[in-house]
Amino acid sequence: MVNLLGATLPDRKLVKIALLAFYGINHHTSSRIMARLQFHDQLRVSELSEPQLNSLSALLSAPPSAIRPSTPLLPYYPSTAPSESTPTASTSSNRELIPRDPPTVAQDPISSLLLEEDLKRQMRANIAHHRQIGTLKGRQHAMGLPVRGQKNRTNGKTAKRLNRIERKFFSTSTTAGSRTTTTGSTGLMRELKGLWSSQGRSTAWRM
């Protein structure tokens, strides 16, 4: 078992699968990280060396400051070269790799990577912004309803169970409103029972 930035990575798992334990890393991002650190796809956690662990920890702890490689992993042919057919494996292996400038920070998706609490904080800020300006998405979040255009009736139960990221940090009136509705319906039933009793009708209500 390897403890990396508070997450426990099992030794038997592949590194690209073990990285999914971090909130904010999916399969596509995991493949990008593996390529950036030049780890092969079948590398397991138990096979990581100390320098590899240090480089992985440095990238995950501060993605914007991660070192970007200036040499491509595959042969790079300038666009000014004459158009030729695809070189064979023997021809490409004899040609040297041409260093080139890494992509800018704006074009590098790993530099803008947010993980764990940073990503959750950004999500909470976005939800609070939508609720503050009164958009439909913000109102749907406040009521615990779907926010991506789904039907409220068929997807409402799932949304009320899942759209609760902001509930720990923001107070909503959903619970109070449901209680008020329940109290109002109970009072209405009592009034109807009293009306039926005054008219001499049966009051065998099933509550």
C-alpha atoms as a PDB file:
ATOM      1  CA  MET A   1       0.000   0.000   0.000  1.00  0.00           C
ATOM      2  CA  VAL A   2       1.245   3.443  -0.934  1.00  0.00           C
ATOM      3  CA  ASN A   3      -0.045   6.572   0.809  1.00  0.00           C
ATOM      4  CA  LEU A   4       0.058   9.470  -1.614  1.00  0.00           C
ATOM      5  CA  LEU A   5      -1.332  12.858  -0.593  1.00  0.00           C
ATOM      6  CA  GLY A   6      -3.829  11.293   1.796  1.00  0.00           C
ATOM      7  CA  ALA A   7      -5.031   8.599  -0.620  1.00  0.00           C
ATOM      8  CA  THR A   8      -4.206   4.910  -0.246  1.00  0.00           C
ATOM      9  CA  LEU A   9      -3.152   3.221  -3.481  1.00  0.00           C
ATOM     10  CA  PRO A  10      -3.206  -0.609  -3.465  1.00  0.00           C
ATOM     11  CA  ASP A  11      -0.007  -2.260  -4.664  1.00  0.00           C
ATOM     12  CA  ARG A  12      -1.758  -4.638  -7.062  1.00  0.00           C
ATOM     13  CA  LYS A  13      -3.538  -1.919  -9.040  1.00  0.00           C
ATOM     14  CA  LEU A  14      -2.281  -0.271 -12.179  1.00  0.00           C
ATOM     15  CA  VAL A  15      -1.137   3.291 -11.627  1.00  0.00           C
ATOM     16  CA  LYS A  16      -3.591   4.657 -14.203  1.00  0.00           C
ATOM     17  CA  ILE A  17      -6.446   2.963 -12.307  1.00  0.00           C
ATOM     18  CA  ALA A  18      -5.175   3.869  -8.843  1.00  0.00           C
ATOM     19  CA  LEU A  19      -5.096   7.556  -9.806  1.00  0.00           C
ATOM     20  CA  LEU A  20      -8.892   7.474 -10.063  1.00  0.00           C
ATOM     21  CA  ALA A  21      -8.983   7.530  -6.250  1.00  0.00           C
ATOM     22  CA  PHE A  22      -8.302  11.281  -6.396  1.00  0.00           C
ATOM     23  CA  TYR A  23     -11.388  13.465  -6.751  1.00  0.00           C
ATOM     24  CA  GLY A  24     -11.131  15.225 -10.098  1.00  0.00           C
ATOM     25  CA  ILE A  25      -9.176  12.584 -12.053  1.00  0.00           C
ATOM     26  CA  ASN A  26     -10.984  10.493 -14.644  1.00  0.00           C
ATOM     27  CA  HIS A  27      -9.630   7.941 -17.102  1.00  0.00           C
ATOM     28  CA  HIS A  28      -8.711  10.581 -19.676  1.00  0.00           C
ATOM     29  CA  THR A  29      -6.866  12.749 -17.153  1.00  0.00           C
ATOM     30  CA  SER A  30      -5.129   9.698 -15.721  1.00  0.00           C
ATOM     31  CA  SER A  31      -3.824   8.806 -19.184  1.00  0.00           C
ATOM     32  CA  ARG A  32      -2.527  12.357 -19.618  1.00  0.00           C
ATOM     33  CA  ILE A  33      -0.690  12.191 -16.298  1.00  0.00           C
ATOM     34  CA  MET A  34       0.840   8.839 -17.210  1.00  0.00           C
ATOM     35  CA  ALA A  35       2.053  10.270 -20.523  1.00  0.00           C
ATOM     36  CA  ARG A  36       3.401  13.421 -18.882  1.00  0.00           C
ATOM     37  CA  LEU A  37       5.462  11.399 -16.394  1.00  0.00           C
ATOM     38  CA  GLN A  38       6.384   8.847 -19.083  1.00  0.00           C
ATOM     39  CA  PHE A  39       4.941   5.868 -17.191  1.00  0.00           C
ATOM     40  CA  HIS A  40       3.967   2.863 -19.269  1.00  0.00           C
ATOM     41  CA  ASP A  41       0.334   1.752 -19.161  1.00  0.00           C
ATOM     42  CA  GLN A  42       0.970  -1.543 -17.388  1.00  0.00           C
ATOM     43  CA  LEU A  43       2.948  -0.016 -14.522  1.00  0.00           C
ATOM     44  CA  ARG A  44       1.635  -1.089 -11.131  1.00  0.00           C
ATOM     45  CA  VAL A  45       1.804   0.812  -7.874  1.00  0.00           C
ATOM     46  CA  SER A  46       4.181  -1.729  -6.337  1.00  0.00           C
ATOM     47  CA  GLU A  47       6.639  -1.148  -9.210  1.00  0.00           C
ATOM     48  CA  LEU A  48       6.937   2.599  -8.676  1.00  0.00           C
ATOM     49  CA  SER A  49      10.432   3.718  -7.756  1.00  0.00           C
ATOM     50  CA  GLU A  50      11.232   6.514  -5.331  1.00  0.00           C
ATOM     51  CA  PRO A  51      11.925   9.117  -8.060  1.00  0.00           C
ATOM     52  CA  GLN A  52       8.684   8.170  -9.815  1.00  0.00           C
ATOM     53  CA  LEU A  53       6.715   8.557  -6.585  1.00  0.00           C
ATOM     54  CA  ASN A  54       8.321  11.940  -5.985  1.00  0.00           C
ATOM     55  CA  SER A  55       7.504  13.160  -9.485  1.00  0.00           C
ATOM     56  CA  LEU A  56       3.916  11.904  -9.216  1.00  0.00           C
ATOM     57  CA  SER A  57       3.472  13.541  -5.820  1.00  0.00           C
ATOM     58  CA  ALA A  58       4.915  16.827  -7.094  1.00  0.00           C
ATOM     59  CA  LEU A  59       2.582  16.856 -10.098  1.00  0.00           C
ATOM     60  CA  LEU A  60      -0.552  16.085  -8.070  1.00  0.00           C
ATOM     61  CA  SER A  61       0.257  18.532  -5.276  1.00  0.00           C
ATOM     62  CA  ALA A  62       0.985  21.463  -7.618  1.00  0.00           C
ATOM     63  CA  PRO A  63      -0.113  20.801 -11.230  1.00  0.00           C
ATOM     64  CA  PRO A  64       0.600  24.369 -12.493  1.00  0.00           C
ATOM     65  CA  SER A  65       4.253  24.144 -11.435  1.00  0.00           C
ATOM     66  CA  ALA A  66       4.805  20.702 -12.950  1.00  0.00           C
ATOM     67  CA  ILE A  67       7.695  20.484 -15.394  1.00  0.00           C
ATOM     68  CA  ARG A  68       6.516  20.206 -18.977  1.00  0.00           C
ATOM     69  CA  PRO A  69       8.673  18.099 -21.302  1.00  0.00           C
ATOM     70  CA  SER A  70      10.302  19.908 -24.198  1.00  0.00           C
ATOM     71  CA  THR A  71      11.124  16.734 -26.130  1.00  0.00           C
ATOM     72  CA  PRO A  72       8.221  14.835 -27.672  1.00  0.00           C
ATOM     73  CA  LEU A  73       7.744  11.177 -26.972  1.00  0.00           C
ATOM     74  CA  LEU A  74       7.436  10.475 -30.713  1.00  0.00           C
ATOM     75  CA  PRO A  75       9.571  11.766 -33.592  1.00  0.00           C
ATOM     76  CA  TYR A  76       8.598  15.304 -34.523  1.00  0.00           C
ATOM     77  CA  TYR A  77       8.728  16.357 -38.156  1.00  0.00           C
ATOM     78  CA  PRO A  78       8.534  20.102 -38.881  1.00  0.00           C
ATOM     79  CA  SER A  79       5.731  21.274 -41.112  1.00  0.00           C
ATOM     80  CA  THR A  80       8.299  22.772 -43.518  1.00  0.00           C
ATOM     81  CA  ALA A  81       9.640  19.333 -44.360  1.00  0.00           C
ATOM     82  CA  PRO A  82       8.693  18.012 -47.786  1.00  0.00           C
ATOM     83  CA  SER A  83       5.642  15.840 -47.866  1.00  0.00           C
ATOM     84  CA  GLU A  84       6.637  12.220 -47.770  1.00  0.00           C
ATOM     85  CA  SER A  85       4.901   8.980 -47.188  1.00  0.00           C
ATOM     86  CA  THR A  86       4.672   7.702 -43.630  1.00  0.00           C
ATOM     87  CA  PRO A  87       8.188   6.609 -42.599  1.00  0.00           C
ATOM     88  CA  THR A  88       8.735   3.055 -41.579  1.00  0.00           C
ATOM     89  CA  ALA A  89       9.746   1.995 -38.096  1.00  0.00           C
ATOM     90  CA  SER A  90      13.392   1.583 -39.098  1.00  0.00           C
ATOM     91  CA  THR A  91      13.528   5.047 -40.682  1.00  0.00           C
ATOM     92  CA  SER A  92      11.855   6.798 -37.744  1.00  0.00           C
ATOM     93  CA  SER A  93      14.082   5.069 -35.212  1.00  0.00           C
ATOM     94  CA  ASN A  94      17.219   6.427 -36.905  1.00  0.00           C
ATOM     95  CA  ARG A  95      16.044  10.028 -36.854  1.00  0.00           C
ATOM     96  CA  GLU A  96      16.752  12.090 -33.767  1.00  0.00           C
ATOM     97  CA  LEU A  97      14.023  13.707 -31.739  1.00  0.00           C
ATOM     98  CA  ILE A  98      13.811  17.405 -32.489  1.00  0.00           C
ATOM     99  CA  PRO A  99      13.329  19.483 -29.314  1.00  0.00           C
ATOM    100  CA  ARG A 100      10.491  21.959 -29.446  1.00  0.00           C
ATOM    101  CA  ASP A 101       8.893  24.409 -27.076  1.00  0.00           C
ATOM    102  CA  PRO A 102       6.233  22.937 -24.798  1.00  0.00           C
ATOM    103  CA  PRO A 103       2.659  24.157 -25.212  1.00  0.00           C
ATOM    104  CA  THR A 104       1.643  27.301 -23.404  1.00  0.00           C
ATOM    105  CA  VAL A 105       0.065  27.105 -19.982  1.00  0.00           C
ATOM    106  CA  ALA A 106      -3.334  27.985 -21.439  1.00  0.00           C
ATOM    107  CA  GLN A 107      -3.105  25.046 -23.843  1.00  0.00           C
ATOM    108  CA  ASP A 108      -1.859  22.571 -21.250  1.00  0.00           C
ATOM    109  CA  PRO A 109      -4.824  20.858 -19.506  1.00  0.00           C
ATOM    110  CA  ILE A 110      -2.648  19.493 -16.704  1.00  0.00           C
ATOM    111  CA  SER A 111      -1.535  22.994 -15.685  1.00  0.00           C
ATOM    112  CA  SER A 112      -5.158  23.944 -14.941  1.00  0.00           C
ATOM    113  CA  LEU A 113      -5.953  20.673 -13.173  1.00  0.00           C
ATOM    114  CA  LEU A 114      -7.868  21.004  -9.899  1.00  0.00           C
ATOM    115  CA  LEU A 115      -8.081  18.134  -7.412  1.00  0.00           C
ATOM    116  CA  GLU A 116      -9.826  17.280  -4.156  1.00  0.00           C
ATOM    117  CA  GLU A 117     -10.717  20.325  -2.028  1.00  0.00           C
ATOM    118  CA  ASP A 118      -9.705  22.865  -4.673  1.00  0.00           C
ATOM    119  CA  LEU A 119     -12.158  21.367  -7.158  1.00  0.00           C
ATOM    120  CA  LYS A 120     -14.909  21.044  -4.543  1.00  0.00           C
ATOM    121  CA  ARG A 121     -14.364  24.658  -3.511  1.00  0.00           C
ATOM    122  CA  GLN A 122     -14.698  25.777  -7.125  1.00  0.00           C
ATOM    123  CA  MET A 123     -17.893  23.745  -7.554  1.00  0.00           C
ATOM    124  CA  ARG A 124     -19.413  25.252  -4.410  1.00  0.00           C
ATOM    125  CA  ALA A 125     -18.473  28.739  -5.590  1.00  0.00           C
ATOM    126  CA  ASN A 126     -20.100  28.136  -8.982  1.00  0.00           C
ATOM    127  CA  ILE A 127     -23.281  26.820  -7.354  1.00  0.00           C
ATOM    128  CA  ALA A 128     -23.388  29.779  -4.966  1.00  0.00           C
ATOM    129  CA  HIS A 129     -22.951  32.167  -7.905  1.00  0.00           C
ATOM    130  CA  HIS A 130     -25.862  30.609  -9.809  1.00  0.00           C
ATOM    131  CA  ARG A 131     -28.063  30.773  -6.725  1.00  0.00           C
ATOM    132  CA  GLN A 132     -27.112  34.355  -6.011  1.00  0.00           C
ATOM    133  CA  ILE A 133     -27.937  35.665  -9.480  1.00  0.00           C
ATOM    134  CA  GLY A 134     -31.159  33.626  -9.559  1.00  0.00           C
ATOM    135  CA  THR A 135     -30.626  31.455 -12.614  1.00  0.00           C
ATOM    136  CA  LEU A 136     -32.744  28.391 -13.297  1.00  0.00           C
ATOM    137  CA  LYS A 137     -29.783  26.160 -12.509  1.00  0.00           C
ATOM    138  CA  GLY A 138     -29.360  27.885  -9.145  1.00  0.00           C
ATOM    139  CA  ARG A 139     -33.033  27.462  -8.263  1.00  0.00           C
ATOM    140  CA  GLN A 140     -32.931  23.811  -9.272  1.00  0.00           C
ATOM    141  CA  HIS A 141     -29.877  23.307  -7.057  1.00  0.00           C
ATOM    142  CA  ALA A 142     -31.642  24.977  -4.129  1.00  0.00           C
ATOM    143  CA  MET A 143     -34.651  22.675  -4.488  1.00  0.00           C
ATOM    144  CA  GLY A 144     -32.546  19.561  -5.056  1.00  0.00           C
ATOM    145  CA  LEU A 145     -33.877  19.031  -8.585  1.00  0.00           C
ATOM    146  CA  PRO A 146     -32.026  18.062 -11.798  1.00  0.00           C
ATOM    147  CA  VAL A 147     -29.992  20.908 -13.269  1.00  0.00           C
ATOM    148  CA  ARG A 148     -29.127  19.591 -16.741  1.00  0.00           C
ATOM    149  CA  GLY A 149     -32.520  19.697 -18.411  1.00  0.00           C
ATOM    150  CA  GLN A 150     -33.943  16.396 -17.180  1.00  0.00           C
ATOM    151  CA  LYS A 151     -37.548  15.981 -16.162  1.00  0.00           C
ATOM    152  CA  ASN A 152     -38.216  16.943 -12.565  1.00  0.00           C
ATOM    153  CA  ARG A 153     -40.794  14.246 -11.935  1.00  0.00           C
ATOM    154  CA  THR A 154     -38.876  11.180 -13.085  1.00  0.00           C
ATOM    155  CA  ASN A 155     -35.400  12.337 -12.076  1.00  0.00           C
ATOM    156  CA  GLY A 156     -36.283  14.338  -8.981  1.00  0.00           C
ATOM    157  CA  LYS A 157     -35.654  11.510  -6.519  1.00  0.00           C
ATOM    158  CA  THR A 158     -32.187  10.831  -7.874  1.00  0.00           C
ATOM    159  CA  ALA A 159     -31.316  14.522  -7.909  1.00  0.00           C
ATOM    160  CA  LYS A 160     -32.445  15.013  -4.319  1.00  0.00           C
ATOM    161  CA  ARG A 161     -30.084  12.226  -3.326  1.00  0.00           C
ATOM    162  CA  LEU A 162     -27.099  13.399  -5.386  1.00  0.00           C
ATOM    163  CA  ASN A 163     -27.363  17.205  -5.666  1.00  0.00           C
ATOM    164  CA  ARG A 164     -26.354  17.782  -2.075  1.00  0.00           C
ATOM    165  CA  ILE A 165     -22.784  19.008  -2.472  1.00  0.00           C
ATOM    166  CA  GLU A 166     -23.705  22.485  -1.285  1.00  0.00           C
ATOM    167  CA  ARG A 167     -26.180  21.399   1.417  1.00  0.00           C
ATOM    168  CA  LYS A 168     -23.454  21.228   4.085  1.00  0.00           C
ATOM    169  CA  PHE A 169     -22.427  24.816   3.444  1.00  0.00           C
ATOM    170  CA  PHE A 170     -25.616  26.624   2.449  1.00  0.00           C
ATOM    171  CA  SER A 171     -28.964  26.670   4.202  1.00  0.00           C
ATOM    172  CA  THR A 172     -31.946  26.012   1.976  1.00  0.00           C
ATOM    173  CA  SER A 173     -35.665  26.293   2.556  1.00  0.00           C
ATOM    174  CA  THR A 174     -36.467  22.945   0.948  1.00  0.00           C
ATOM    175  CA  THR A 175     -36.847  21.113   4.242  1.00  0.00           C
ATOM    176  CA  ALA A 176     -38.838  23.903   5.830  1.00  0.00           C
ATOM    177  CA  GLY A 177     -41.083  24.112   2.794  1.00  0.00           C
ATOM    178  CA  SER A 178     -41.778  20.395   2.859  1.00  0.00           C
ATOM    179  CA  ARG A 179     -42.685  20.594   6.542  1.00  0.00           C
ATOM    180  CA  THR A 180     -45.009  23.500   5.890  1.00  0.00           C
ATOM    181  CA  THR A 181     -46.682  21.610   3.076  1.00  0.00           C
ATOM    182  CA  THR A 182     -47.183  18.575   5.289  1.00  0.00           C
ATOM    183  CA  THR A 183     -48.650  20.682   8.093  1.00  0.00           C
ATOM    184  CA  GLY A 184     -50.959  22.467   5.682  1.00  0.00           C
ATOM    185  CA  SER A 185     -52.249  19.230   4.165  1.00  0.00           C
ATOM    186  CA  THR A 186     -52.896  17.790   7.654  1.00  0.00           C
ATOM    187  CA  GLY A 187     -54.876  20.877   8.651  1.00  0.00           C
ATOM    188  CA  LEU A 188     -56.903  20.656   5.459  1.00  0.00           C
ATOM    189  CA  MET A 189     -57.776  17.025   6.185  1.00  0.00           C
ATOM    190  CA  ARG A 190     -58.957  17.970   9.677  1.00  0.00           C
ATOM    191  CA  GLU A 191     -61.173  20.725   8.287  1.00  0.00           C
ATOM    192  CA  LEU A 192     -62.707  18.316   5.791  1.00  0.00           C
ATOM    193  CA  LYS A 193     -63.363  15.772   8.542  1.00  0.00           C
ATOM    194  CA  GLY A 194     -65.110  18.431  10.630  1.00  0.00           C
ATOM    195  CA  LEU A 195     -67.219  19.477   7.652  1.00  0.00           C
ATOM    196  CA  TRP A 196     -68.282  15.909   6.943  1.00  0.00           C
ATOM    197  CA  SER A 197     -69.100  15.318  10.608  1.00  0.00           C
ATOM    198  CA  SER A 198     -71.341  18.390  10.693  1.00  0.00           C
ATOM    199  CA  GLN A 199     -73.234  16.998   7.697  1.00  0.00           C
ATOM    200  CA  GLY A 200     -73.710  13.617   9.363  1.00  0.00           C
ATOM    201  CA  ARG A 201     -71.518  11.708   6.947  1.00  0.00           C
ATOM    202  CA  SER A 202     -69.121   8.918   7.784  1.00  0.00           C
ATOM    203  CA  THR A 203     -65.640  10.041   8.844  1.00  0.00           C
ATOM    204  CA  ALA A 204     -63.825   6.747   8.342  1.00  0.00           C
ATOM    205  CA  TRP A 205     -60.687   8.340   7.037  1.00  0.00           C
ATOM    206  CA  ARG A 206     -57.631   6.342   6.178  1.00  0.00           C
ATOM    207  CA  MET A 207     -54.625   8.353   7.297  1.00  0.00           C
END
